[in-house]
Protein backbone atom coordinates (compact mmCIF):
# COMPACT_ATOMS: atom_id res chain seq x y z
CA MET A 1 21.39 7.07 26.43
CA THR A 2 21.63 3.60 25.02
CA THR A 3 17.94 3.32 24.69
CA VAL A 4 17.65 6.66 22.65
CA LEU A 5 20.55 5.64 20.46
CA LEU A 6 18.64 2.30 19.95
CA TYR A 7 15.38 4.06 19.32
CA ALA A 8 17.02 6.38 16.62
CA LEU A 9 18.80 3.34 15.09
CA GLY A 10 15.29 1.66 14.85
CA ILE A 11 13.97 4.57 12.88
CA LEU A 12 16.95 4.84 10.70
CA ILE A 13 16.81 1.23 9.69
CA ILE A 14 13.05 1.34 8.85
CA VAL A 15 13.78 4.66 6.82
CA LEU A 16 16.62 2.77 4.99
CA LEU A 17 14.49 -0.10 4.26
CA LEU A 18 11.52 2.14 2.94
CA GLY A 19 14.03 4.19 0.90
CA ILE A 20 15.23 1.00 -0.63
CA SER A 21 11.88 -0.37 -1.26
CA ILE A 22 10.96 3.04 -3.06
CA ALA A 23 14.20 2.90 -5.18
CA LEU A 24 13.53 -0.56 -6.29
CA HIS A 25 9.95 0.48 -7.07
CA GLU A 26 11.06 2.95 -9.43
CA ILE A 27 13.33 0.62 -11.02
CA GLY A 28 10.57 -1.65 -11.81
CA HIS A 29 9.32 1.13 -14.05
CA LEU A 30 12.84 2.29 -15.15
CA LEU A 31 14.06 -1.08 -16.57
CA PRO A 32 11.16 -2.02 -18.58
CA ALA A 33 10.44 1.50 -19.86
CA LYS A 34 14.33 1.58 -21.10
CA LEU A 35 14.11 -1.83 -22.49
CA PHE A 36 11.11 -0.71 -24.81
CA GLY A 37 12.87 2.33 -25.91
CA VAL A 38 11.09 5.00 -23.87
CA LYS A 39 13.42 7.98 -23.23
CA VAL A 40 13.70 8.35 -19.56
CA THR A 41 15.05 11.71 -18.61
CA GLN A 42 15.13 11.33 -14.63
CA TYR A 43 15.18 8.65 -12.02
CA MET A 44 14.52 10.36 -8.59
CA ILE A 45 14.25 8.97 -5.09
CA GLY A 46 12.23 11.43 -2.96
CA PHE A 47 10.65 14.90 -3.60
CA GLY A 48 11.49 18.48 -3.15
CA ARG A 49 14.81 19.99 -3.64
CA THR A 50 17.56 17.65 -5.26
CA ILE A 51 20.50 17.23 -2.87
CA TRP A 52 22.54 14.85 -5.33
CA SER A 53 22.36 13.97 -8.83
CA ARG A 54 24.45 12.65 -11.71
CA LYS A 55 23.68 12.29 -15.28
CA LYS A 56 24.64 8.98 -17.09
CA GLY A 57 23.43 8.72 -20.69
CA GLU A 58 20.10 10.34 -21.33
CA THR A 59 19.00 9.80 -17.80
CA GLU A 60 19.60 12.00 -14.45
CA TYR A 61 19.88 9.95 -11.41
CA GLY A 62 19.31 11.59 -7.99
CA VAL A 63 18.04 11.95 -4.70
CA LYS A 64 15.88 14.57 -3.32
CA MET A 65 15.22 16.09 0.28
CA LEU A 66 11.97 14.35 1.29
CA PRO A 67 12.32 10.49 1.20
CA LEU A 68 8.49 10.14 0.88
CA GLY A 69 8.34 8.51 -2.70
CA GLY A 70 10.06 8.78 -6.00
CA TYR A 71 9.44 9.16 -9.60
CA VAL A 72 10.64 8.14 -13.26
CA ALA A 73 10.21 11.00 -15.85
CA MET A 74 9.34 9.69 -19.17
CA ILE A 75 8.82 11.63 -22.30
CA GLY A 76 5.35 11.78 -23.60
CA MET A 77 3.05 10.65 -20.92
CA TYR A 78 0.22 12.16 -22.37
CA PRO A 79 -0.74 11.95 -26.19
CA PRO A 80 -1.93 14.92 -28.20
CA SER A 81 -5.62 15.95 -28.01
CA LYS A 82 -6.09 14.40 -31.62
CA PRO A 83 -4.41 11.45 -33.14
CA GLY A 84 -1.55 12.51 -35.63
CA GLU A 85 -1.53 16.15 -34.05
CA ALA A 86 1.86 17.69 -33.67
CA PRO A 87 2.90 18.80 -29.97
CA ARG A 88 1.80 22.36 -29.23
CA GLU A 89 3.62 24.96 -27.39
CA SER A 90 2.13 25.86 -23.98
CA THR A 91 -0.24 28.67 -24.51
CA THR A 92 -1.38 29.51 -20.85
CA GLY A 93 -0.27 29.03 -17.39
CA PHE A 94 -1.56 26.80 -14.97
CA LEU A 95 -2.70 29.90 -12.71
CA ASN A 96 -4.51 31.42 -15.73
CA SER A 97 -6.85 28.43 -16.12
CA VAL A 98 -7.63 28.13 -12.38
CA VAL A 99 -8.66 31.77 -11.44
CA GLU A 100 -10.72 32.69 -14.70
CA ASP A 101 -14.34 32.62 -14.28
CA ALA A 102 -15.17 33.40 -17.91
CA PRO A 103 -13.48 32.39 -21.19
CA VAL A 104 -10.15 34.52 -21.77
CA LYS A 105 -8.31 34.58 -24.67
CA VAL A 106 -4.71 34.20 -23.55
CA GLY A 107 -1.45 33.68 -25.30
CA LYS A 108 2.18 33.54 -24.98
CA LYS A 109 4.83 34.71 -27.20
CA HIS A 110 7.85 32.58 -28.31
CA GLY A 111 10.51 33.23 -25.61
CA GLU A 112 7.92 34.89 -23.35
CA SER A 113 8.22 33.90 -19.62
CA ILE A 114 5.46 32.42 -17.58
CA VAL A 115 5.40 35.40 -15.26
CA ASP A 116 4.93 37.79 -18.32
CA GLU A 117 1.99 35.62 -18.91
CA ILE A 118 0.56 35.59 -15.54
CA THR A 119 0.74 39.37 -15.33
CA ARG A 120 -1.87 39.60 -17.91
CA VAL A 121 -4.57 37.61 -16.07
CA GLY A 122 -7.93 39.24 -16.94
CA ASP A 123 -7.08 40.64 -20.23
CA VAL A 124 -9.80 39.90 -22.65
CA ALA A 125 -7.55 40.23 -25.50
CA PRO A 126 -3.67 40.48 -25.56
CA ALA A 127 -1.58 43.47 -26.79
CA ALA A 128 -1.31 43.76 -30.43
CA PRO A 129 2.05 42.44 -31.86
CA SER A 130 4.94 44.78 -31.87
CA ASP A 131 5.22 44.90 -35.73
CA ALA A 132 1.81 45.87 -36.32
CA GLY A 133 1.33 48.47 -38.88
CA PRO A 134 0.76 52.02 -38.58
CA GLY A 135 -2.97 52.93 -37.44
CA SER A 136 -3.54 49.45 -36.06
CA THR A 137 -6.18 49.41 -33.31
CA GLY A 138 -5.01 46.23 -31.59
CA THR A 139 -8.33 44.33 -31.93
CA GLY A 140 -8.62 44.74 -35.63
CA ASP A 141 -4.84 43.62 -36.15
CA ALA A 142 -5.42 40.63 -33.79
CA ASP A 143 -8.17 39.46 -35.87
CA ALA A 144 -6.23 39.76 -38.94
CA SER A 145 -3.37 37.94 -37.65
CA ALA A 146 -5.37 35.19 -35.98
CA ALA A 147 -4.92 32.59 -38.84
CA ALA A 148 -1.19 33.01 -38.62
CA GLY A 149 -0.94 32.49 -34.97
CA GLN A 150 -3.71 30.07 -34.30
CA ASP A 151 -1.62 27.85 -32.40
CA GLU A 152 -0.50 30.71 -30.13
CA LEU A 153 -3.91 31.73 -29.00
CA GLU A 154 -6.46 29.53 -27.48
CA TYR A 155 -9.79 29.77 -25.30
CA ARG A 156 -9.20 28.36 -21.80
CA ARG A 157 -11.27 28.23 -18.80
CA GLY A 158 -11.28 26.08 -15.38
CA LEU A 159 -10.55 22.38 -15.48
CA ALA A 160 -10.13 22.43 -19.61
CA GLY A 161 -7.11 24.52 -19.02
CA TRP A 162 -5.60 21.97 -16.47
CA VAL A 163 -6.02 19.30 -19.26
CA ASP A 164 -4.40 21.62 -21.71
CA GLU A 165 -1.61 22.56 -19.56
CA ALA A 166 -0.91 18.94 -18.73
CA ARG A 167 -0.95 17.94 -22.34
CA ASP A 168 1.34 20.78 -23.22
CA ALA A 169 3.84 20.16 -20.63
CA SER A 170 3.89 16.49 -21.73
CA ALA A 171 4.68 17.64 -25.37
CA GLU A 172 7.39 19.77 -24.11
CA THR A 173 9.24 17.00 -22.74
CA ILE A 174 9.46 15.41 -26.21
CA PRO A 175 12.79 16.45 -28.19
CA ASP A 176 12.61 16.91 -31.92
CA GLY A 177 12.71 13.81 -33.81
CA GLU A 178 12.07 11.71 -30.75
CA ASP A 179 8.40 11.35 -30.56
CA HIS A 180 8.51 7.70 -31.23
CA ARG A 181 10.25 7.14 -27.89
CA SER A 182 7.28 8.69 -26.17
CA PHE A 183 5.44 6.61 -23.46
CA TYR A 184 2.07 7.16 -25.28
CA ARG A 185 3.39 5.54 -28.37
CA LEU A 186 3.87 2.09 -26.60
CA PRO A 187 1.39 -0.65 -27.25
CA VAL A 188 -0.99 -1.32 -24.35
CA TRP A 189 0.75 -4.48 -23.18
CA LYS A 190 4.06 -2.54 -22.77
CA LYS A 191 2.39 0.25 -21.07
CA ILE A 192 0.94 -2.11 -18.35
CA ILE A 193 4.20 -3.80 -17.99
CA VAL A 194 6.04 -0.33 -17.52
CA MET A 195 3.39 0.76 -15.12
CA ALA A 196 2.95 -2.56 -13.33
CA GLY A 197 6.83 -3.09 -12.78
CA GLY A 198 6.70 -0.87 -9.72
CA PRO A 199 4.19 -2.56 -7.69
CA LEU A 200 5.56 -6.02 -8.75
CA MET A 201 8.77 -4.86 -7.49
CA ASN A 202 7.36 -4.41 -4.13
CA LEU A 203 5.49 -7.73 -4.21
CA VAL A 204 8.85 -9.37 -4.76
CA LEU A 205 10.28 -7.59 -1.77
CA ALA A 206 7.45 -8.50 0.29
CA PHE A 207 8.21 -12.24 -0.53
CA LEU A 208 11.73 -11.74 0.38
CA PHE A 209 11.26 -10.04 3.58
CA PHE A 210 8.31 -12.43 4.77
CA GLY A 211 10.54 -15.32 3.67
CA ILE A 212 13.25 -14.05 5.95
CA VAL A 213 10.82 -13.79 9.08
CA ILE A 214 8.78 -17.27 8.59
CA SER A 215 11.51 -19.50 6.94
CA GLY A 216 14.91 -17.53 8.51
CA PHE A 217 13.76 -16.52 12.13
CA GLY A 218 10.59 -18.73 12.33
CA VAL A 219 7.03 -17.89 13.69
CA THR A 220 5.69 -18.37 17.00
CA GLN A 221 3.21 -21.24 17.30
CA SER A 222 1.54 -23.45 19.97
CA SER A 223 3.65 -26.29 20.86
CA THR A 224 2.72 -29.90 21.73
CA THR A 225 4.04 -29.49 25.24
CA LEU A 226 1.32 -28.59 27.87
CA ALA A 227 1.95 -25.19 29.61
CA GLN A 228 -0.95 -25.20 32.03
CA VAL A 229 -3.61 -27.84 33.27
CA SER A 230 -6.64 -26.41 34.76
CA GLU A 231 -8.32 -27.73 38.02
CA CYS A 232 -11.73 -27.51 36.44
CA LEU A 233 -13.65 -26.56 33.26
CA VAL A 234 -15.28 -23.17 32.78
CA PRO A 235 -17.98 -22.57 29.98
CA ALA A 236 -17.59 -19.71 27.57
CA GLY A 237 -18.72 -16.22 29.00
CA SER A 238 -18.28 -17.24 32.57
CA THR A 239 -16.93 -14.62 35.14
CA GLN A 240 -15.73 -17.55 37.16
CA THR A 241 -11.99 -16.95 37.96
CA SER A 242 -11.32 -19.98 40.25
CA CYS A 243 -12.63 -23.36 40.86
CA GLY A 244 -15.07 -24.27 43.61
CA THR A 245 -14.96 -27.26 45.91
CA ASP A 246 -18.13 -29.04 44.31
CA ASP A 247 -16.61 -28.23 40.48
CA PRO A 248 -15.58 -31.55 38.83
CA ALA A 249 -11.79 -31.81 37.82
CA ALA A 250 -10.97 -30.94 34.34
CA PRO A 251 -10.41 -34.07 32.28
CA ALA A 252 -6.64 -33.29 31.78
CA ALA A 253 -6.16 -33.21 35.44
CA ALA A 254 -8.31 -36.04 36.30
CA ALA A 255 -6.24 -38.10 33.61
CA GLY A 256 -3.04 -37.04 35.43
CA LEU A 257 -1.68 -34.76 32.70
CA GLN A 258 0.83 -32.09 33.98
CA PRO A 259 2.47 -29.06 32.85
CA GLY A 260 5.57 -30.05 30.74
CA ASP A 261 4.15 -33.04 29.51
CA THR A 262 4.63 -33.57 25.58
CA LEU A 263 1.90 -35.04 23.37
CA VAL A 264 3.45 -37.81 21.06
CA ALA A 265 0.19 -39.73 19.87
CA VAL A 266 -3.58 -40.33 20.26
CA ASN A 267 -5.04 -43.72 19.78
CA GLY A 268 -1.91 -44.59 17.84
CA THR A 269 -1.97 -41.50 15.63
CA LYS A 270 1.25 -39.40 15.91
CA ILE A 271 0.57 -35.85 17.14
CA GLU A 272 2.32 -33.30 14.69
CA ASP A 273 1.09 -29.98 16.12
CA TRP A 274 -1.48 -28.50 18.93
CA GLU A 275 -4.23 -27.97 16.12
CA GLN A 276 -4.27 -31.44 15.34
CA PHE A 277 -4.64 -32.55 18.85
CA ARG A 278 -7.03 -29.76 19.75
CA SER A 279 -9.17 -30.96 16.51
CA ILE A 280 -9.30 -34.61 17.83
CA VAL A 281 -10.24 -33.54 21.30
CA ALA A 282 -12.96 -31.15 20.09
CA SER A 283 -14.65 -33.81 18.21
CA SER A 284 -14.43 -36.35 20.80
CA PRO A 285 -16.75 -35.32 23.83
CA GLY A 286 -17.55 -38.32 25.98
CA LEU A 287 -15.03 -40.64 24.17
CA THR A 288 -12.44 -42.04 25.94
CA LEU A 289 -8.68 -41.41 24.28
CA GLN A 290 -5.48 -43.23 24.75
CA VAL A 291 -2.92 -40.36 24.80
CA GLU A 292 0.70 -41.08 24.60
CA ILE A 293 2.84 -38.55 26.36
CA GLU A 294 6.71 -37.95 27.17
CA ARG A 295 7.44 -36.64 30.50
CA ASN A 296 11.05 -36.37 31.62
CA GLY A 297 12.24 -38.46 28.91
CA THR A 298 9.76 -41.43 29.72
CA SER A 299 7.07 -42.26 27.72
CA ASP A 300 3.33 -43.03 29.20
CA ILE A 301 -0.20 -43.67 28.22
CA MET A 302 -2.98 -41.70 29.69
CA ALA A 303 -6.73 -42.53 29.40
CA LEU A 304 -8.34 -39.07 28.67
CA THR A 305 -12.19 -38.39 28.32
CA PRO A 306 -13.03 -34.95 26.90
CA GLU A 307 -15.99 -33.13 28.23
CA ALA A 308 -18.60 -31.34 26.48
CA ASN A 309 -18.32 -27.62 26.83
CA GLU A 310 -19.28 -24.19 25.41
CA ARG A 311 -16.69 -22.57 23.28
CA ILE A 312 -16.88 -19.15 21.50
CA LEU A 313 -17.18 -19.79 17.66
CA ALA A 314 -14.36 -17.71 15.60
CA ASP A 315 -13.81 -17.29 12.13
CA SER A 316 -10.91 -17.78 9.88
CA SER A 317 -9.16 -14.60 11.08
CA GLY A 318 -9.69 -15.68 14.71
CA LYS A 319 -12.41 -13.03 15.42
CA ALA A 320 -15.51 -14.09 17.38
CA VAL A 321 -18.68 -14.64 15.32
CA LEU A 322 -21.45 -12.54 16.65
CA ASN A 323 -25.17 -13.13 17.08
CA GLU A 324 -27.86 -10.65 15.70
CA ASP A 325 -27.96 -9.07 19.41
CA GLY A 326 -24.10 -8.63 19.33
CA THR A 327 -23.29 -11.42 21.74
CA PRO A 328 -20.70 -14.14 20.54
CA LYS A 329 -21.81 -17.30 19.30
CA THR A 330 -20.79 -20.44 20.94
CA GLU A 331 -20.47 -23.98 19.92
CA SER A 332 -20.50 -27.38 21.93
CA VAL A 333 -17.31 -29.26 21.63
CA GLY A 334 -14.90 -31.52 23.70
CA MET A 335 -12.50 -29.89 25.89
CA ILE A 336 -9.87 -31.18 28.60
CA GLY A 337 -8.93 -27.96 30.30
CA ALA A 338 -5.33 -27.74 29.31
CA THR A 339 -3.22 -24.89 27.42
CA PRO A 340 -0.23 -25.40 25.09
CA GLY A 341 3.15 -23.66 25.44
CA THR A 342 4.79 -21.71 22.65
CA GLU A 343 7.71 -22.20 20.43
CA VAL A 344 9.36 -20.61 17.47
CA ALA A 345 9.43 -22.73 14.43
CA GLN A 346 10.76 -22.08 10.88
CA ARG A 347 8.24 -22.83 8.09
CA PRO A 348 9.06 -23.90 4.81
CA VAL A 349 9.44 -21.47 1.82
CA THR A 350 6.32 -22.95 0.30
CA GLU A 351 4.10 -21.13 3.17
CA VAL A 352 5.51 -17.78 1.98
CA PRO A 353 2.78 -17.01 -0.84
CA ALA A 354 0.01 -17.87 1.62
CA PHE A 355 1.51 -15.66 4.17
CA VAL A 356 1.84 -12.75 1.70
CA GLY A 357 -1.56 -13.30 0.31
CA GLU A 358 -3.17 -13.09 3.75
CA ASN A 359 -1.32 -9.62 4.07
CA VAL A 360 -2.53 -8.51 0.71
CA LYS A 361 -6.01 -9.44 1.37
CA ASN A 362 -5.94 -7.49 4.91
CA VAL A 363 -4.32 -4.44 3.33
CA ALA A 364 -6.94 -4.28 0.57
CA GLY A 365 -9.54 -4.62 3.08
CA VAL A 366 -8.02 -1.63 4.90
CA ILE A 367 -7.99 0.33 1.56
CA LEU A 368 -11.72 -0.65 0.51
CA ASN A 369 -12.74 0.75 3.90
CA LEU A 370 -10.47 3.62 4.05
CA PRO A 371 -12.98 6.37 4.44
CA ALA A 372 -14.50 4.82 7.48
CA ARG A 373 -10.88 3.91 8.85
CA LEU A 374 -9.75 7.63 8.43
CA VAL A 375 -12.89 8.69 10.30
CA ASP A 376 -11.71 6.09 13.34
CA VAL A 377 -8.24 7.85 12.94
CA TRP A 378 -9.78 11.16 13.38
CA GLN A 379 -12.00 10.46 16.38
CA ALA A 380 -9.11 8.89 17.97
CA ALA A 381 -6.72 11.66 17.18
CA PHE A 382 -9.21 14.48 18.42
CA GLY A 383 -11.14 12.33 21.07
CA ALA A 384 -10.95 9.65 23.70
CA GLU A 385 -10.80 6.88 21.44
CA GLU A 386 -7.83 4.35 21.10
CA ARG A 387 -6.09 3.73 17.75
CA ASP A 388 -7.23 0.66 15.86
CA PRO A 389 -3.85 -1.32 15.80
CA ASN A 390 -5.06 -3.03 12.39
CA GLY A 391 -5.98 0.60 11.02
CA PRO A 392 -3.72 2.71 8.68
CA MET A 393 -0.51 4.34 9.85
CA GLY A 394 1.62 7.04 8.59
CA VAL A 395 5.41 7.05 8.16
CA VAL A 396 5.76 8.80 11.59
CA GLY A 397 3.88 6.00 13.34
CA ILE A 398 5.81 3.17 11.62
CA GLY A 399 9.12 5.03 12.61
CA ARG A 400 7.82 5.06 16.16
CA LEU A 401 6.96 1.44 16.28
CA ALA A 402 10.54 0.55 14.77
CA GLY A 403 12.29 2.66 17.60
CA GLU A 404 10.21 1.26 20.28
CA VAL A 405 10.92 -2.41 19.31
CA VAL A 406 14.83 -1.88 18.59
CA SER A 407 15.11 -0.16 21.98
CA MET A 408 13.36 -3.11 23.92
CA ASP A 409 16.49 -4.30 25.95
CA GLU A 410 14.10 -7.26 27.29
CA ALA A 411 13.44 -8.61 23.94
CA PRO A 412 16.04 -10.96 22.22
CA LEU A 413 18.12 -9.41 19.29
CA ALA A 414 16.60 -11.79 16.80
CA ALA A 415 13.03 -11.10 17.85
CA ARG A 416 13.88 -7.43 17.24
CA ALA A 417 15.21 -8.16 13.80
CA GLN A 418 12.27 -10.26 13.04
CA PHE A 419 9.95 -7.44 13.73
CA ILE A 420 11.82 -5.00 11.58
CA PHE A 421 11.90 -7.35 8.44
CA SER A 422 8.27 -7.88 9.05
CA LEU A 423 7.38 -4.39 9.06
CA ALA A 424 9.25 -4.09 5.90
CA GLY A 425 7.36 -6.91 4.35
CA SER A 426 4.09 -5.11 5.40
CA LEU A 427 5.18 -1.75 4.04
CA ASN A 428 6.00 -3.48 0.67
CA VAL A 429 2.45 -5.12 0.53
CA ALA A 430 1.04 -1.96 1.36
CA LEU A 431 3.11 -0.13 -1.53
CA PHE A 432 1.94 -3.04 -3.89
CA VAL A 433 -1.66 -2.71 -3.12
CA PHE A 434 -2.18 1.09 -2.81
CA ASN A 435 -0.23 1.82 -6.11
CA LEU A 436 -2.63 -0.45 -7.87
CA VAL A 437 -5.65 1.59 -6.85
CA PRO A 438 -6.98 2.58 -10.36
CA LEU A 439 -6.64 6.17 -9.71
CA MET A 440 -4.43 8.89 -11.24
CA PRO A 441 -1.59 9.65 -10.49
CA LEU A 442 -1.21 6.03 -9.03
CA ASP A 443 0.27 3.27 -11.10
CA GLY A 444 -3.16 1.50 -11.18
CA GLY A 445 -4.68 4.62 -12.75
CA HIS A 446 -2.18 4.38 -15.73
CA ILE A 447 -2.85 0.58 -16.06
CA ALA A 448 -6.78 1.42 -16.09
CA GLY A 449 -6.18 3.89 -18.79
CA ALA A 450 -4.15 1.39 -20.83
CA ILE A 451 -6.82 -1.31 -20.40
CA TYR A 452 -9.41 1.14 -21.39
CA GLU A 453 -7.25 1.86 -24.62
CA ALA A 454 -7.13 -1.85 -25.44
CA ILE A 455 -11.06 -2.03 -25.01
CA LYS A 456 -11.65 1.08 -27.20
CA ARG A 457 -9.41 0.12 -29.94
CA GLY A 458 -10.60 -3.47 -29.99
CA TRP A 459 -14.23 -2.35 -29.99
CA ALA A 460 -13.34 0.04 -32.95
CA ARG A 461 -11.72 -2.96 -34.85
CA LEU A 462 -14.81 -5.13 -34.31
CA ARG A 463 -17.15 -2.46 -36.03
CA GLY A 464 -14.66 -1.80 -38.92
CA LYS A 465 -13.92 1.86 -37.60
CA PRO A 466 -10.65 3.63 -37.89
CA ASP A 467 -8.07 3.27 -35.08
CA PRO A 468 -9.05 5.92 -32.34
CA GLY A 469 -5.38 6.26 -31.24
CA PRO A 470 -4.18 6.46 -27.76
CA VAL A 471 -6.64 7.41 -24.79
CA ASP A 472 -6.23 10.88 -23.90
CA THR A 473 -5.23 10.27 -20.14
CA ALA A 474 -4.52 14.08 -19.82
CA LYS A 475 -8.34 14.45 -19.28
CA THR A 476 -7.86 12.81 -15.91
CA VAL A 477 -5.63 15.61 -14.85
CA PRO A 478 -8.46 17.14 -12.63
CA VAL A 479 -8.89 13.77 -10.96
CA THR A 480 -5.12 13.58 -10.26
CA PHE A 481 -5.38 16.86 -8.44
CA VAL A 482 -8.22 15.77 -6.19
CA VAL A 483 -6.38 12.39 -5.55
CA VAL A 484 -3.19 14.43 -4.77
CA ILE A 485 -5.06 16.68 -2.32
CA ALA A 486 -6.81 13.74 -0.77
CA LEU A 487 -3.64 12.08 0.02
CA GLY A 488 -1.87 15.08 1.20
CA ALA A 489 -4.91 15.34 3.81
CA MET A 490 -4.69 11.74 4.69
CA SER A 491 -0.95 12.01 5.23
CA LEU A 492 -1.34 15.21 7.31
CA LEU A 493 -4.22 13.37 9.46
CA LEU A 494 -2.01 10.16 9.96
CA MET A 495 1.15 12.19 10.86
CA TYR A 496 -0.84 14.06 13.40
CA ALA A 497 -2.52 10.96 14.85
CA ASP A 498 0.88 9.20 15.05
CA ILE A 499 2.25 11.86 17.30
CA VAL A 500 -0.66 12.66 19.71
CA LYS A 501 -2.24 9.19 19.66
CA PRO A 502 0.09 6.63 18.19
CA VAL A 503 -0.79 2.86 18.01
CA ALA A 504 0.01 0.91 20.79
CA LEU A 505 0.99 -2.71 20.28
CA PHE A 506 2.77 -3.53 23.26
CA GLY A 507 0.41 -1.99 25.85
């Protein structure tokens, strides 16, 4: 029973940290928007039905049922189709623009509901106004009244209807006399600050969480104390599991080194960490080194002569470098046949940026190869392959990991807390990188639109042309629908895979 409660607690903690991360992401948008005078009508955490809200000033703050994201509603996200054009009333429903295969003249009267409009799908011409004169035939009167009601009637079809609907919906958010507070009215640099504020807030949180991990709890690293001394040396790629009677003793054993010995200095140079000692040994095959050790509180000096041996060559990430035929590359280096123990050491805060940077690079690599990674997830979910622990994972998988770690009775409490903070840091790195992808409706898509606007306006100034005005980002609405559908499909795939074939980090 305790294990189940701890498992549930782990899920609850990571969901809470995710909610906090999302809430602060949206605050990253909210604060600069208000600072720059944009009218913000809603600040919501989650999607779906509102379960709590409170209005303060002109902004409604609330929480919705599904804690899978959030949003800040700003008036006037999309500009009019032409610079200086007044906002128009909605003239067609979204459904109309999707289902019509041919141009259809549709319109909506003042006060008419969207339901009334949808019922007219397929009408080539709307009914004549109720105040048409006696003898009116409908079509003739419609032509006669076209000039007076031109803003009421438009030709719509397909994707163009989506764009118009999005633009109209944006226009309807602008109250009379407050167009100057619209988002699209902001200078380019302010737009970028507003949209980048969310991802940058996640980056700050990543620094905070990873700072707690490596400078607070500390990280596991190789120590300068020997954990094991081999009897003989085995070359890279060998299947030998034990030493034969004719095998020469490993240099460490021949020199008299024992497990538990602590390395102090080599040839008078103080040893700070295992990597320093390993580097000295690797570059000294056949050379005798004077190694000072500490054993049971007593210092001693050993004569150690590393032997040349084959070692698998690894890249900066620790992965084996392969030959063209797929076999691992090897290099000849000095080796002594000893392995270090491990220790948890607190690292200075100055190492946090490099740690976060490495995580950002790894997440960016996953996103750049996302289609191939999702194919791997599909094959694992519906086949016999195992999930890649470095591949994409959904909210369900993250919750499972948190629950498994928190419920591990054999793991120290500090280690479990460290893992949760590390997971929260990784989540915020993912939110930072993913939201900067230059596609609508992600923050990166709005930033890309602002940058394009700056280029377009700058080019017009260089040529002495009139200011083209804000970029009509409403034209990207079809792309937005495609991205939203793709993200939804990806989320469903990851959710299914996390249930039937979860990532196994602990065997």
